[in-house]
Every structure is written in structure tokens, then in C-alpha cells.
């Protein structure tokens, strides 16, 4: 019986030693963290250098799928677009400058031009990133308007492929991307 008392007594001493060591280490850690917080609060703030991303070169073979969050009403870097009125004798057109419809021209009328993968569109594109009924381009109040028809991957104007547009007034020379860059791209021209 004495063996058991000695065994459990030694076991209790070991447990007390382990508990004391853990408590002492915790107190040291808390004290060190408090001193570090105090020294950081007293030290002047360090300014990290501003790292700006370098624009990657345009890669026409790259595939970029953009699932948009919320479309932008008007393009953020294109102010005064509302002033882009068409002269009465002007003939607006969409000219495909890259992709399956390259060098084809589509006149823009008051009724408008629909763009998408479905065969019932005025402009049928084969890019799988484009929706069946992707966008509409037409004349509203003597202005040519591009409207995204709630497409999956968005409609983009010029090189701003990170900011999809929902509706924007086009200016001559604008480049339109349906669903992303790299395939079918159209330029808006006025003759």
C-alpha cells in the first residue's frame, strides 16, 4: 500500500510542476506581448512603400473570364459621354476588327443591333464567353447607346476590361469587347 502512496505522491508533484511551468510561461508571454504593444504604441508609425502593379502587356491569346459583380452604370473613366450626339447625316456602324466576324460591318439603326451567340441576333459571335443575348447597340435621342443585356461575363469598353458597363453612350473609335478580351472585338465608327 505504501507503494501506491509514493507513486501517487510523485505523480501529483509532477503534475504540480507541469502546471507551474505552464503558468510561468503564460505569464512571461503575456508580459512580453504587453511590452511589445507598449513599444509599438510609442514608436512612430512605419510607412510601407506603395507598390503599384505593373500593367501586363496585352496578350491576344490570353483567356480571361470575368464574372461581374455589379455593372457600372456609366464608364468611370469616360466623362461627358452624354455629349456624343450623332450628326443627322451620320451612318454609325459596328466593325469587327478581330474574331470570327473580322472585317464585317454592321450598320446601327434606331431599332438597334443585337449581339450574342444565339442565331436570332443581328451579330452572331461564337465566343463561348458571350451570352446568347449579350448586348444591344442602338440610337436613342441622337446618341448611339450600348446596353448590356444582363450577360454573364459582361460587356467592356476600350481597354477597361475590369469595369463592365451596363449602359454607355458610344463615341467614334470606341472598342467593344463582349464577355472579355481576346476574341471578337468591335469598333464603333461613324461615316
C-alpha atoms as a PDB file:
ATOM      1  CA  UNK A   1       0.000   0.000   0.000  1.00  0.00           C
ATOM      2  CA  UNK A   2       2.881   2.326   0.700  1.00  0.00           C
ATOM      3  CA  UNK A   3       3.958   1.923  -2.954  1.00  0.00           C
ATOM      4  CA  UNK A   4       0.710   3.426  -4.125  1.00  0.00           C
ATOM      5  CA  UNK A   5       1.034   6.431  -1.829  1.00  0.00           C
ATOM      6  CA  UNK A   6       4.559   7.075  -3.026  1.00  0.00           C
ATOM      7  CA  UNK A   7       3.525   6.621  -6.687  1.00  0.00           C
ATOM      8  CA  UNK A   8       0.524   8.958  -6.453  1.00  0.00           C
ATOM      9  CA  UNK A   9       2.510  11.458  -4.403  1.00  0.00           C
ATOM     10  CA  UNK A  10       5.254  11.628  -7.047  1.00  0.00           C
ATOM     11  CA  UNK A  11       2.616  11.800  -9.799  1.00  0.00           C
ATOM     12  CA  UNK A  12       0.947  14.738  -8.015  1.00  0.00           C
ATOM     13  CA  UNK A  13       4.327  16.532  -7.716  1.00  0.00           C
ATOM     14  CA  UNK A  14       4.964  16.078 -11.449  1.00  0.00           C
ATOM     15  CA  UNK A  15       1.508  17.460 -12.297  1.00  0.00           C
ATOM     16  CA  UNK A  16       2.046  20.442  -9.995  1.00  0.00           C
ATOM     17  CA  UNK A  17       5.451  21.060 -11.643  1.00  0.00           C
ATOM     18  CA  UNK A  18       3.945  20.919 -15.138  1.00  0.00           C
ATOM     19  CA  UNK A  19       1.117  23.264 -14.133  1.00  0.00           C
ATOM     20  CA  UNK A  20       3.558  25.716 -12.527  1.00  0.00           C
ATOM     21  CA  UNK A  21       5.764  25.697 -15.643  1.00  0.00           C
ATOM     22  CA  UNK A  22       2.781  26.334 -17.934  1.00  0.00           C
ATOM     23  CA  UNK A  23       1.558  29.197 -15.741  1.00  0.00           C
ATOM     24  CA  UNK A  24       5.034  30.784 -15.588  1.00  0.00           C
ATOM     25  CA  UNK A  25       5.429  30.530 -19.392  1.00  0.00           C
ATOM     26  CA  UNK A  26       1.999  32.082 -19.895  1.00  0.00           C
ATOM     27  CA  UNK A  27       2.829  34.977 -17.572  1.00  0.00           C
ATOM     28  CA  UNK A  28       6.138  35.575 -19.404  1.00  0.00           C
ATOM     29  CA  UNK A  29       4.369  35.522 -22.780  1.00  0.00           C
ATOM     30  CA  UNK A  30       1.683  37.962 -21.617  1.00  0.00           C
ATOM     31  CA  UNK A  31       4.320  40.274 -20.148  1.00  0.00           C
ATOM     32  CA  UNK A  32       6.364  40.159 -23.389  1.00  0.00           C
ATOM     33  CA  UNK A  33       3.249  40.871 -25.512  1.00  0.00           C
ATOM     34  CA  UNK A  34       2.341  43.814 -23.270  1.00  0.00           C
ATOM     35  CA  UNK A  35       5.854  45.255 -23.606  1.00  0.00           C
ATOM     36  CA  UNK A  36       5.770  44.805 -27.402  1.00  0.00           C
ATOM     37  CA  UNK A  37       2.375  46.516 -27.631  1.00  0.00           C
ATOM     38  CA  UNK A  38       3.643  49.340 -25.450  1.00  0.00           C
ATOM     39  CA  UNK A  39       6.777  49.812 -27.567  1.00  0.00           C
ATOM     40  CA  UNK A  40       4.739  49.729 -30.809  1.00  0.00           C
ATOM     41  CA  UNK A  41       2.347  52.343 -29.463  1.00  0.00           C
ATOM     42  CA  UNK A  42       5.250  54.621 -28.501  1.00  0.00           C
ATOM     43  CA  UNK A  43       7.175  54.143 -31.765  1.00  0.00           C
ATOM     44  CA  UNK A  44       6.392  56.333 -34.768  1.00  0.00           C
ATOM     45  CA  UNK A  45       4.356  54.510 -37.440  1.00  0.00           C
ATOM     46  CA  UNK A  46       6.317  52.912 -40.208  1.00  0.00           C
ATOM     47  CA  UNK A  47       5.192  53.803 -43.692  1.00  0.00           C
ATOM     48  CA  UNK A  48       5.254  50.952 -46.086  1.00  0.00           C
ATOM     49  CA  UNK A  49       6.227  51.843 -49.642  1.00  0.00           C
ATOM     50  CA  UNK A  50       3.314  51.948 -52.051  1.00  0.00           C
ATOM     51  CA  UNK A  51       3.657  49.158 -54.568  1.00  0.00           C
ATOM     52  CA  UNK A  52       1.730  49.793 -57.734  1.00  0.00           C
ATOM     53  CA  UNK A  53       1.016  46.867 -60.013  1.00  0.00           C
ATOM     54  CA  UNK A  54       2.758  46.963 -63.337  1.00  0.00           C
ATOM     55  CA  UNK A  55       0.391  46.739 -66.256  1.00  0.00           C
ATOM     56  CA  UNK A  56       0.885  43.482 -68.080  1.00  0.00           C
ATOM     57  CA  UNK A  57       1.335  43.717 -71.836  1.00  0.00           C
ATOM     58  CA  UNK A  58      -1.693  42.919 -73.933  1.00  0.00           C
ATOM     59  CA  UNK A  59      -1.784  39.234 -74.804  1.00  0.00           C
ATOM     60  CA  UNK A  60      -4.318  38.487 -77.550  1.00  0.00           C
ATOM     61  CA  UNK A  61      -4.122  34.744 -76.866  1.00  0.00           C
ATOM     62  CA  UNK A  62      -4.941  35.059 -73.165  1.00  0.00           C
ATOM     63  CA  UNK A  63      -8.280  33.859 -71.889  1.00  0.00           C
ATOM     64  CA  UNK A  64      -9.841  35.965 -69.222  1.00  0.00           C
ATOM     65  CA  UNK A  65     -13.217  35.132 -67.768  1.00  0.00           C
ATOM     66  CA  UNK A  66     -14.752  37.901 -65.731  1.00  0.00           C
ATOM     67  CA  UNK A  67     -17.785  37.145 -63.653  1.00  0.00           C
ATOM     68  CA  UNK A  68     -19.034  40.577 -62.865  1.00  0.00           C
ATOM     69  CA  UNK A  69     -20.378  41.684 -59.556  1.00  0.00           C
ATOM     70  CA  UNK A  70     -22.442  44.781 -60.203  1.00  0.00           C
ATOM     71  CA  UNK A  71     -22.396  46.509 -63.579  1.00  0.00           C
ATOM     72  CA  UNK A  72     -21.294  50.094 -63.755  1.00  0.00           C
ATOM     73  CA  UNK A  73     -23.979  52.478 -64.981  1.00  0.00           C
ATOM     74  CA  UNK A  74     -21.641  54.666 -66.990  1.00  0.00           C
ATOM     75  CA  UNK A  75     -17.986  54.096 -67.556  1.00  0.00           C
ATOM     76  CA  UNK A  76     -15.905  55.680 -64.777  1.00  0.00           C
ATOM     77  CA  UNK A  77     -13.091  56.963 -66.989  1.00  0.00           C
ATOM     78  CA  UNK A  78     -15.332  58.272 -69.761  1.00  0.00           C
ATOM     79  CA  UNK A  79     -16.873  61.529 -68.554  1.00  0.00           C
ATOM     80  CA  UNK A  80     -19.060  63.733 -70.766  1.00  0.00           C
ATOM     81  CA  UNK A  81     -20.255  60.794 -72.825  1.00  0.00           C
ATOM     82  CA  UNK A  82     -23.733  62.261 -72.836  1.00  0.00           C
ATOM     83  CA  UNK A  83     -22.499  64.942 -75.263  1.00  0.00           C
ATOM     84  CA  UNK A  84     -21.655  62.430 -78.039  1.00  0.00           C
ATOM     85  CA  UNK A  85     -24.601  63.320 -80.306  1.00  0.00           C
ATOM     86  CA  UNK A  86     -24.768  61.985 -83.859  1.00  0.00           C
ATOM     87  CA  UNK A  87     -24.926  64.377 -86.786  1.00  0.00           C
ATOM     88  CA  UNK A  88     -28.164  63.883 -88.735  1.00  0.00           C
ATOM     89  CA  UNK A  89     -26.383  62.592 -91.868  1.00  0.00           C
ATOM     90  CA  UNK A  90     -24.070  60.225 -89.957  1.00  0.00           C
ATOM     91  CA  UNK A  91     -24.108  56.476 -90.527  1.00  0.00           C
ATOM     92  CA  UNK A  92     -22.989  54.654 -87.349  1.00  0.00           C
ATOM     93  CA  UNK A  93     -21.564  51.153 -87.742  1.00  0.00           C
ATOM     94  CA  UNK A  94     -20.011  48.362 -85.726  1.00  0.00           C
ATOM     95  CA  UNK A  95     -16.925  46.996 -87.482  1.00  0.00           C
ATOM     96  CA  UNK A  96     -15.455  43.721 -86.296  1.00  0.00           C
ATOM     97  CA  UNK A  97     -11.680  44.149 -86.006  1.00  0.00           C
ATOM     98  CA  UNK A  98     -10.890  40.747 -84.515  1.00  0.00           C
ATOM     99  CA  UNK A  99     -12.504  37.348 -84.280  1.00  0.00           C
ATOM    100  CA  UNK A 100     -14.854  35.233 -86.339  1.00  0.00           C
ATOM    101  CA  UNK A 101     -16.623  38.243 -87.936  1.00  0.00           C
ATOM    102  CA  UNK A 102     -13.406  40.140 -88.775  1.00  0.00           C
ATOM    103  CA  UNK A 103     -13.842  42.892 -91.408  1.00  0.00           C
ATOM    104  CA  UNK A 104     -17.645  42.591 -91.336  1.00  0.00           C
ATOM    105  CA  UNK A 105     -19.577  45.821 -90.819  1.00  0.00           C
ATOM    106  CA  UNK A 106     -22.996  46.130 -89.166  1.00  0.00           C
ATOM    107  CA  UNK A 107     -24.987  49.383 -89.512  1.00  0.00           C
ATOM    108  CA  UNK A 108     -26.570  50.639 -86.297  1.00  0.00           C
ATOM    109  CA  UNK A 109     -30.199  51.692 -86.718  1.00  0.00           C
ATOM    110  CA  UNK A 110     -32.841  53.145 -84.433  1.00  0.00           C
ATOM    111  CA  UNK A 111     -34.198  49.625 -83.923  1.00  0.00           C
ATOM    112  CA  UNK A 112     -30.739  48.577 -82.840  1.00  0.00           C
ATOM    113  CA  UNK A 113     -28.353  45.707 -83.336  1.00  0.00           C
ATOM    114  CA  UNK A 114     -28.354  42.704 -81.016  1.00  0.00           C
ATOM    115  CA  UNK A 115     -25.144  40.823 -80.299  1.00  0.00           C
ATOM    116  CA  UNK A 116     -24.758  37.314 -78.894  1.00  0.00           C
ATOM    117  CA  UNK A 117     -24.295  33.620 -79.592  1.00  0.00           C
ATOM    118  CA  UNK A 118     -27.923  32.891 -80.460  1.00  0.00           C
ATOM    119  CA  UNK A 119     -28.754  32.677 -84.175  1.00  0.00           C
ATOM    120  CA  UNK A 120     -31.592  35.223 -83.838  1.00  0.00           C
ATOM    121  CA  UNK A 121     -29.131  38.081 -83.106  1.00  0.00           C
ATOM    122  CA  UNK A 122     -28.130  40.612 -85.751  1.00  0.00           C
ATOM    123  CA  UNK A 123     -24.468  39.947 -84.960  1.00  0.00           C
ATOM    124  CA  UNK A 124     -23.771  36.304 -84.108  1.00  0.00           C
ATOM    125  CA  UNK A 125     -20.475  35.688 -82.336  1.00  0.00           C
ATOM    126  CA  UNK A 126     -19.021  32.289 -81.474  1.00  0.00           C
ATOM    127  CA  UNK A 127     -17.071  33.210 -78.356  1.00  0.00           C
ATOM    128  CA  UNK A 128     -18.263  30.887 -75.530  1.00  0.00           C
ATOM    129  CA  UNK A 129     -17.791  33.728 -73.014  1.00  0.00           C
ATOM    130  CA  UNK A 130     -20.574  35.701 -74.708  1.00  0.00           C
ATOM    131  CA  UNK A 131     -24.169  35.143 -73.648  1.00  0.00           C
ATOM    132  CA  UNK A 132     -26.917  34.040 -76.032  1.00  0.00           C
ATOM    133  CA  UNK A 133     -28.362  37.577 -75.998  1.00  0.00           C
ATOM    134  CA  UNK A 134     -25.380  39.569 -74.792  1.00  0.00           C
ATOM    135  CA  UNK A 135     -25.864  43.240 -75.736  1.00  0.00           C
ATOM    136  CA  UNK A 136     -27.832  45.766 -77.751  1.00  0.00           C
ATOM    137  CA  UNK A 137     -26.491  48.775 -79.662  1.00  0.00           C
ATOM    138  CA  UNK A 138     -28.966  51.334 -80.947  1.00  0.00           C
ATOM    139  CA  UNK A 139     -29.779  55.017 -81.395  1.00  0.00           C
ATOM    140  CA  UNK A 140     -31.511  56.804 -78.533  1.00  0.00           C
ATOM    141  CA  UNK A 141     -32.040  60.606 -78.649  1.00  0.00           C
ATOM    142  CA  UNK A 142     -29.471  61.053 -81.464  1.00  0.00           C
ATOM    143  CA  UNK A 143     -26.842  59.130 -79.485  1.00  0.00           C
ATOM    144  CA  UNK A 144     -25.561  55.617 -80.036  1.00  0.00           C
ATOM    145  CA  UNK A 145     -26.090  53.614 -76.838  1.00  0.00           C
ATOM    146  CA  UNK A 146     -24.521  50.288 -75.848  1.00  0.00           C
ATOM    147  CA  UNK A 147     -26.636  48.249 -73.389  1.00  0.00           C
ATOM    148  CA  UNK A 148     -25.556  45.032 -71.752  1.00  0.00           C
ATOM    149  CA  UNK A 149     -28.492  42.613 -71.631  1.00  0.00           C
ATOM    150  CA  UNK A 150     -27.553  41.202 -68.192  1.00  0.00           C
ATOM    151  CA  UNK A 151     -24.891  38.979 -69.734  1.00  0.00           C
ATOM    152  CA  UNK A 152     -22.942  36.505 -67.631  1.00  0.00           C
ATOM    153  CA  UNK A 153     -19.410  37.753 -68.305  1.00  0.00           C
ATOM    154  CA  UNK A 154     -20.125  41.423 -69.010  1.00  0.00           C
ATOM    155  CA  UNK A 155     -19.592  43.965 -71.766  1.00  0.00           C
ATOM    156  CA  UNK A 156     -16.411  46.038 -71.731  1.00  0.00           C
ATOM    157  CA  UNK A 157     -15.456  49.280 -73.406  1.00  0.00           C
ATOM    158  CA  UNK A 158     -11.975  50.103 -74.696  1.00  0.00           C
ATOM    159  CA  UNK A 159      -9.113  48.770 -72.559  1.00  0.00           C
ATOM    160  CA  UNK A 160     -11.105  48.876 -69.310  1.00  0.00           C
ATOM    161  CA  UNK A 161     -11.660  45.128 -69.008  1.00  0.00           C
ATOM    162  CA  UNK A 162     -12.013  45.282 -65.227  1.00  0.00           C
ATOM    163  CA  UNK A 163     -15.074  47.538 -65.308  1.00  0.00           C
ATOM    164  CA  UNK A 164     -18.095  46.107 -67.120  1.00  0.00           C
ATOM    165  CA  UNK A 165     -20.670  48.578 -68.392  1.00  0.00           C
ATOM    166  CA  UNK A 166     -24.429  48.196 -68.253  1.00  0.00           C
ATOM    167  CA  UNK A 167     -25.248  51.182 -70.461  1.00  0.00           C
ATOM    168  CA  UNK A 168     -22.982  53.760 -72.052  1.00  0.00           C
ATOM    169  CA  UNK A 169     -23.103  56.296 -74.882  1.00  0.00           C
ATOM    170  CA  UNK A 170     -20.571  55.352 -77.567  1.00  0.00           C
ATOM    171  CA  UNK A 171     -18.079  57.721 -79.153  1.00  0.00           C
ATOM    172  CA  UNK A 172     -16.422  57.109 -82.541  1.00  0.00           C
ATOM    173  CA  UNK A 173     -13.356  54.903 -82.147  1.00  0.00           C
ATOM    174  CA  UNK A 174     -14.602  53.041 -79.060  1.00  0.00           C
ATOM    175  CA  UNK A 175     -13.693  49.354 -78.950  1.00  0.00           C
ATOM    176  CA  UNK A 176     -16.262  46.952 -77.514  1.00  0.00           C
ATOM    177  CA  UNK A 177     -15.500  43.543 -76.010  1.00  0.00           C
ATOM    178  CA  UNK A 178     -18.311  41.077 -75.350  1.00  0.00           C
ATOM    179  CA  UNK A 179     -17.535  38.681 -72.476  1.00  0.00           C
ATOM    180  CA  UNK A 180     -13.837  39.586 -72.252  1.00  0.00           C
ATOM    181  CA  UNK A 181     -10.890  40.413 -74.467  1.00  0.00           C
ATOM    182  CA  UNK A 182      -9.051  38.218 -76.897  1.00  0.00           C
ATOM    183  CA  UNK A 183     -11.594  37.155 -79.492  1.00  0.00           C
ATOM    184  CA  UNK A 184     -14.393  39.117 -81.127  1.00  0.00           C
ATOM    185  CA  UNK A 185     -13.850  42.826 -80.741  1.00  0.00           C
ATOM    186  CA  UNK A 186     -15.811  45.559 -82.450  1.00  0.00           C
ATOM    187  CA  UNK A 187     -15.007  49.190 -83.155  1.00  0.00           C
ATOM    188  CA  UNK A 188     -17.700  51.826 -83.298  1.00  0.00           C
ATOM    189  CA  UNK A 189     -17.258  54.102 -86.323  1.00  0.00           C
ATOM    190  CA  UNK A 190     -19.321  56.918 -87.797  1.00  0.00           C
ATOM    191  CA  UNK A 191     -19.190  57.644 -91.547  1.00  0.00           C
END
